[in-house]
Amino acid sequence: MGPPGVGKGTQSKRLAEVFGFPHVSSGDLLREHLRIRTRIGCEAKDFMERGALVPDSLIGSIVIDRIASASCKTGFILDGFPRTCQQADALHSYLSELSADKTKTVCVSAVHLFVDHALLFRRLASRRVCPTCYSVYNINDRPPRVKGLCDLDSTALVTREDDRNEIVIWERIKLYEEQTLPILNYYSEKRILAEVNANYPADEVTPAILAAVRRCPQM
């Protein structure tokens, strides 16, 4: 968990490689629905373009469906979900059902990445993404090997619509603070919350996250 631009996508992909679990990004799932023009994508479009949070009824269903799939059977890395206490409740209900099965062991860790606001804005303004595989780059800190092209598939990188407008960027940060920060108390009470300082380069943040995740408790 963390505000826009904190590095959730970058770190989630790294964790997925380390553990061999799928990287499940709520944002990527929504953008895919938008790309193929599903009903969910059309409903979510207006919220995404304004930098607003997509309603729980939309995002909750697609994320739970994804992590209930066969590819997530042994584990998964969630990126951008949950973002509200209602979403956290939905996730907890699903995980509780899994833990009720005595043949399964369910371990959960919630990692909160925090960073200075000024650095967040700089990161978002210089972020570029691949519209094909959704890989994330930063033209200042983590540029692609070939300028403007994705390292994985050579697709031309783009700036996300919600990263273009300064007002939208600050609105997203404000929404995060108002609606997502309460989840920290939710997970702190469950004693599964780890706080990680993400002001540092990605290579320094990853080991701290790995240490926190490897201490995750059993439900």
Protein backbone atom coordinates (compact mmCIF):
# COMPACT_ATOMS: atom_id res chain seq x y z
CA MET A 1 0.00 0.00 0.00
CA GLY A 2 1.03 3.59 -0.51
CA PRO A 3 0.18 6.84 -2.32
CA PRO A 4 0.43 7.27 -6.11
CA GLY A 5 4.06 7.34 -7.25
CA VAL A 6 5.49 5.66 -4.14
CA GLY A 7 6.77 2.69 -6.14
CA LYS A 8 4.09 0.05 -5.50
CA GLY A 9 4.21 -1.28 -9.05
CA THR A 10 7.99 -1.52 -9.21
CA GLN A 11 8.29 -3.25 -5.85
CA SER A 12 5.33 -5.58 -6.49
CA LYS A 13 6.93 -6.84 -9.71
CA ARG A 14 10.17 -7.48 -7.83
CA LEU A 15 8.37 -9.44 -5.10
CA ALA A 16 6.53 -11.45 -7.75
CA GLU A 17 9.87 -12.45 -9.28
CA VAL A 18 11.37 -13.40 -5.91
CA PHE A 19 8.45 -15.54 -4.73
CA GLY A 20 7.09 -16.71 -8.08
CA PHE A 21 3.62 -15.32 -7.31
CA PRO A 22 1.41 -13.38 -9.75
CA HIS A 23 1.54 -9.60 -9.50
CA VAL A 24 -2.10 -8.48 -9.23
CA SER A 25 -2.49 -4.76 -9.88
CA SER A 26 -5.98 -3.31 -9.50
CA GLY A 27 -4.98 -0.45 -11.81
CA ASP A 28 -3.73 -2.80 -14.53
CA LEU A 29 -6.89 -4.89 -14.25
CA LEU A 30 -9.03 -1.79 -14.67
CA ARG A 31 -6.99 -0.51 -17.62
CA GLU A 32 -7.33 -3.89 -19.32
CA HIS A 33 -11.11 -3.74 -18.88
CA LEU A 34 -10.98 -0.22 -20.30
CA ARG A 35 -8.86 -1.32 -23.27
CA ILE A 36 -11.22 -4.11 -24.29
CA ARG A 37 -14.29 -1.96 -23.50
CA THR A 38 -15.99 -4.20 -20.97
CA ARG A 39 -18.95 -2.96 -18.94
CA ILE A 40 -16.69 -2.53 -15.92
CA GLY A 41 -14.19 -0.59 -18.02
CA CYS A 42 -16.82 1.81 -19.31
CA GLU A 43 -18.18 2.42 -15.81
CA ALA A 44 -14.71 2.99 -14.39
CA LYS A 45 -13.47 5.31 -17.16
CA ASP A 46 -14.96 8.51 -15.77
CA PHE A 47 -13.58 7.89 -12.28
CA MET A 48 -10.08 7.08 -13.57
CA GLU A 49 -9.86 10.16 -15.81
CA ARG A 50 -10.75 12.39 -12.84
CA GLY A 51 -8.20 10.69 -10.58
CA ALA A 52 -11.03 9.47 -8.35
CA LEU A 53 -11.21 6.08 -6.67
CA VAL A 54 -13.24 3.51 -8.60
CA PRO A 55 -16.25 2.38 -6.49
CA ASP A 56 -15.74 -0.64 -4.27
CA SER A 57 -18.50 -2.54 -6.06
CA LEU A 58 -16.46 -2.46 -9.29
CA ILE A 59 -12.88 -2.94 -8.17
CA GLY A 60 -13.63 -5.47 -5.43
CA SER A 61 -15.30 -7.94 -7.75
CA ILE A 62 -12.57 -7.97 -10.40
CA VAL A 63 -9.72 -8.28 -7.88
CA ILE A 64 -11.35 -11.08 -5.87
CA ASP A 65 -12.14 -12.93 -9.11
CA ARG A 66 -8.48 -12.62 -10.14
CA ILE A 67 -6.96 -13.86 -6.88
CA ALA A 68 -9.45 -16.73 -6.79
CA SER A 69 -8.11 -18.01 -10.12
CA ALA A 70 -5.89 -21.09 -10.40
CA SER A 71 -2.73 -19.04 -11.08
CA CYS A 72 -3.00 -17.45 -7.59
CA LYS A 73 -3.47 -20.76 -5.78
CA THR A 74 -0.08 -20.66 -4.02
CA GLY A 75 0.04 -16.92 -3.42
CA PHE A 76 -0.21 -13.45 -4.93
CA ILE A 77 1.17 -9.93 -4.61
CA LEU A 78 -1.55 -7.28 -4.41
CA ASP A 79 -0.74 -3.83 -5.78
CA GLY A 80 -3.22 -0.98 -5.28
CA PHE A 81 -5.79 -3.07 -3.43
CA PRO A 82 -7.34 -2.63 -0.94
CA ARG A 83 -7.76 1.14 -1.02
CA THR A 84 -10.73 1.47 1.31
CA CYS A 85 -11.82 -0.26 4.50
CA GLN A 86 -14.72 -1.79 2.57
CA GLN A 87 -12.26 -3.37 0.13
CA ALA A 88 -10.13 -4.54 3.05
CA ASP A 89 -13.19 -6.22 4.57
CA ALA A 90 -13.95 -7.98 1.28
CA LEU A 91 -10.37 -9.22 1.03
CA HIS A 92 -10.33 -10.37 4.65
CA SER A 93 -13.57 -12.29 4.14
CA TYR A 94 -12.09 -14.10 1.15
CA LEU A 95 -8.86 -14.93 3.00
CA SER A 96 -10.80 -16.08 6.06
CA GLU A 97 -12.66 -18.57 3.86
CA LEU A 98 -9.32 -19.91 2.66
CA SER A 99 -7.92 -20.20 6.18
CA ALA A 100 -11.02 -22.14 7.27
CA ASP A 101 -9.80 -24.94 5.02
CA LYS A 102 -7.50 -26.91 7.35
CA THR A 103 -5.50 -28.21 4.38
CA LYS A 104 -4.31 -24.67 3.61
CA THR A 105 -1.97 -22.29 5.40
CA VAL A 106 -2.75 -18.62 4.82
CA CYS A 107 -0.08 -16.02 5.65
CA VAL A 108 -0.71 -12.32 5.09
CA SER A 109 1.51 -9.24 5.25
CA ALA A 110 0.42 -5.65 4.62
CA VAL A 111 3.29 -3.34 3.66
CA HIS A 112 2.84 0.43 3.72
CA LEU A 113 5.33 2.45 1.65
CA PHE A 114 5.60 6.10 2.68
CA VAL A 115 7.44 8.96 0.96
CA ASP A 116 7.70 12.78 1.01
CA HIS A 117 4.99 14.60 -1.00
CA ALA A 118 7.46 16.61 -3.07
CA LEU A 119 9.21 13.43 -4.16
CA LEU A 120 5.87 11.83 -5.03
CA PHE A 121 5.04 14.64 -7.43
CA ARG A 122 8.44 14.44 -9.15
CA ARG A 123 8.10 10.69 -9.57
CA LEU A 124 4.60 10.93 -11.06
CA ALA A 125 5.59 13.73 -13.45
CA SER A 126 8.51 11.66 -14.80
CA ARG A 127 6.73 8.27 -14.85
CA ARG A 128 6.27 6.44 -18.14
CA VAL A 129 4.39 3.16 -18.70
CA CYS A 130 4.18 0.50 -21.38
CA PRO A 131 0.59 0.29 -22.69
CA THR A 132 1.16 -3.34 -23.70
CA CYS A 133 2.72 -5.05 -20.65
CA TYR A 134 2.20 -2.20 -18.12
CA SER A 135 5.88 -2.07 -17.14
CA VAL A 136 6.69 1.16 -15.30
CA TYR A 137 9.72 3.40 -15.85
CA ASN A 138 10.95 6.74 -14.58
CA ILE A 139 12.85 8.89 -17.06
CA ASN A 140 15.04 10.26 -14.27
CA ASP A 141 15.63 7.31 -11.92
CA ARG A 142 14.77 4.13 -13.87
CA PRO A 143 14.87 4.95 -17.60
CA PRO A 144 14.45 2.24 -20.27
CA ARG A 145 17.55 0.92 -22.02
CA VAL A 146 16.39 2.53 -25.28
CA LYS A 147 14.90 5.98 -24.84
CA GLY A 148 11.12 5.92 -25.08
CA LEU A 149 10.81 2.15 -25.60
CA CYS A 150 9.85 -0.67 -23.23
CA ASP A 151 12.71 -3.02 -22.38
CA LEU A 152 10.44 -6.08 -22.65
CA ASP A 153 8.53 -5.57 -25.90
CA SER A 154 9.89 -2.35 -27.48
CA THR A 155 6.46 -0.69 -27.31
CA ALA A 156 6.55 3.11 -27.22
CA LEU A 157 6.17 4.32 -23.63
CA VAL A 158 3.41 6.74 -22.70
CA THR A 159 2.47 9.08 -19.88
CA ARG A 160 -0.68 7.99 -18.08
CA GLU A 161 -3.57 10.43 -18.41
CA ASP A 162 -3.83 10.83 -14.63
CA ASP A 163 -0.11 11.74 -14.45
CA ARG A 164 -0.41 14.65 -16.91
CA ASN A 165 -2.42 17.10 -14.85
CA GLU A 166 -0.98 18.65 -11.67
CA ILE A 167 -4.43 19.19 -10.19
CA VAL A 168 -5.37 15.55 -10.79
CA ILE A 169 -2.10 14.36 -9.23
CA TRP A 170 -2.71 16.29 -6.02
CA GLU A 171 -6.36 15.18 -5.97
CA ARG A 172 -5.18 11.55 -6.09
CA ILE A 173 -2.80 12.15 -3.19
CA LYS A 174 -5.58 13.88 -1.22
CA LEU A 175 -7.97 11.00 -1.90
CA TYR A 176 -5.35 8.53 -0.74
CA GLU A 177 -4.88 10.36 2.55
CA GLU A 178 -8.62 10.67 3.16
CA GLN A 179 -9.78 7.21 2.12
CA THR A 180 -6.81 4.84 2.23
CA LEU A 181 -4.83 5.84 5.31
CA PRO A 182 -7.57 4.50 7.64
CA ILE A 183 -6.67 1.02 6.34
CA LEU A 184 -3.34 1.35 8.15
CA ASN A 185 -5.20 1.24 11.46
CA TYR A 186 -7.21 -1.74 10.16
CA TYR A 187 -4.08 -3.79 9.48
CA SER A 188 -2.19 -2.47 12.48
CA GLU A 189 -4.92 -3.83 14.76
CA LYS A 190 -4.52 -7.21 13.05
CA ARG A 191 -0.75 -6.98 13.73
CA ILE A 192 0.21 -7.58 10.10
CA LEU A 193 1.28 -4.04 9.11
CA ALA A 194 4.87 -3.16 8.19
CA GLU A 195 5.97 0.44 7.52
CA VAL A 196 8.75 0.90 4.94
CA ASN A 197 10.43 4.21 4.05
CA ALA A 198 10.35 4.51 0.23
CA ASN A 199 12.23 7.81 -0.05
CA TYR A 200 15.30 5.83 -1.10
CA PRO A 201 16.22 4.25 -4.47
CA ALA A 202 14.22 1.15 -5.40
CA ASP A 203 17.21 -1.17 -4.88
CA GLU A 204 17.40 -0.07 -1.23
CA VAL A 205 13.66 -0.32 -0.61
CA THR A 206 13.28 -3.90 -1.90
CA PRO A 207 15.34 -5.62 0.85
CA ALA A 208 13.32 -3.84 3.55
CA ILE A 209 10.05 -5.04 2.00
CA LEU A 210 11.35 -8.59 1.65
CA ALA A 211 12.33 -8.67 5.31
CA ALA A 212 8.83 -7.50 6.30
CA VAL A 213 7.03 -9.97 4.04
CA ARG A 214 9.06 -12.92 5.25
CA ARG A 215 7.86 -12.21 8.79
CA CYS A 216 4.19 -12.41 7.75
CA PRO A 217 1.99 -14.20 10.32
CA GLN A 218 -0.37 -17.07 9.73
CA MET A 219 -4.11 -16.32 9.83
